[in-house]
Amino acid sequence: MRRRTVTPAVVLALFGLLVGGLFRYALDDPNEASVGNYLRSALEGAAITLIIWSTHLYLTARGGLLRRLPLAVELIARSVILAVVAAVAAVLLEIVLYEHRLGPNWLRETFLKIIGVSLLLSIPITTIYELVRMIGGRTLLNVALGRYRQPVREQRVLLFLDLIGSTTLAETMGELRVQELLTRFFFDIDEAIVTHGGEVHAYVGDEVIVTWPVVTGQSPHRCLDCVFAIEDRLAEGADRYLKEFGVVPAFRAGMHAGPVVISECGDSRRQVAYFGDTVNVTARLQQHCKEASRPLLVSGELLALLPRHDFVIEPLGATRLRGRAAPIDVFAVVRSSSAETARQAAS
């Protein structure tokens, strides 16, 4: 979660420094062009940008009402709120940095310019943030760069994770309530996914598909840690789930590593799609969890990427998965007793 907030804050602070300096150059009186004024304007731009970012994070974390609005209305409402916050910050910073009272000329000219610039900047920044949330940061960047216009072969770790018993729950709770449960479930596990470097590729019914790039010299230890972090997250919210839905969600998960072909598909609605045997094997591993009575199954190919680990590995032998002729080595994975003890002590 730290990387998700700190990295954008650093980038936006640098962006604010630049905008503050350009604001001074483009809109202020040339007679006031001095190193001190440029420095103050740059600091003011950085400070306003960080204040806007902090407000945005607060609205994201606490803005339940905003998230219920249609996306276009939410974007406009967020932009207006951010512009008002920027205006208040500009007034306070003007007093602190320039140590003078605010005259009518400043309020009539500079202040209105600051409001206009803040509003113009807050709209694209908010829009880009929503696009990142909808598409994923890495995917959005790769799409913008045209990386997947032609099929690309990459080494990936894939996780297929689905909610247990969703069909039965739909019969007892009704489809709308189950969808509310799924929405809460997907929302709650997202932080664990992002914190462990994963990116959600897709939600398919009651299933989420998560992916990690295989980086040379980097162990996929965090990929397995992600599954147990999701388990911990659900355990922490057990009372809330019971109170609201009468059930605590549980999941089955399959993980595999190997080559994946990635490409943009479609025309009227373009989508980045994953193809290949690795995708099929991961899906079959997740489905095999029920037959094997294990919550997490991984392939031998994934374990081969783990030179050292503190997990308890149970070999299930060479298994011929449904729809696949060649068998693969399948393993059940649980946390070691020491890791579980440390988790319970921390909670």
Foldseek 3Di string as FASTA:
>chain_A
DCCVQVVVLVVQLQVQLVVLLVCCVPFHDPVPDDPLNSNLSSNLRSVLSNQLSVVVVCCVVPVPVLVVDPPVVSLLVSLLVSLVSSLVSSQVSCCVSVVDDDDPVCCVGVSVVSSVVSSVVSNVVSVVVVVCVVANDVRVVCVVVVVFQDKDKFKKKKKKKFWPPLVVLCVVPNPVLSVVVLVVLCVQLVVLQVVLPWDWQDDDPRITMIMDGDDPPDFSQSVVVSVVVSVVSLVVCVVVCCVPPVGRIAMAMEMEIDMWIWHWDDDVDIGIDIDDPRVVVRVQRRVCCVVVVARYKYFPRNVVSDPDDQKDKAWPQFDQTPPHDGTTTMIGIDGDPVVVVVVVVVD
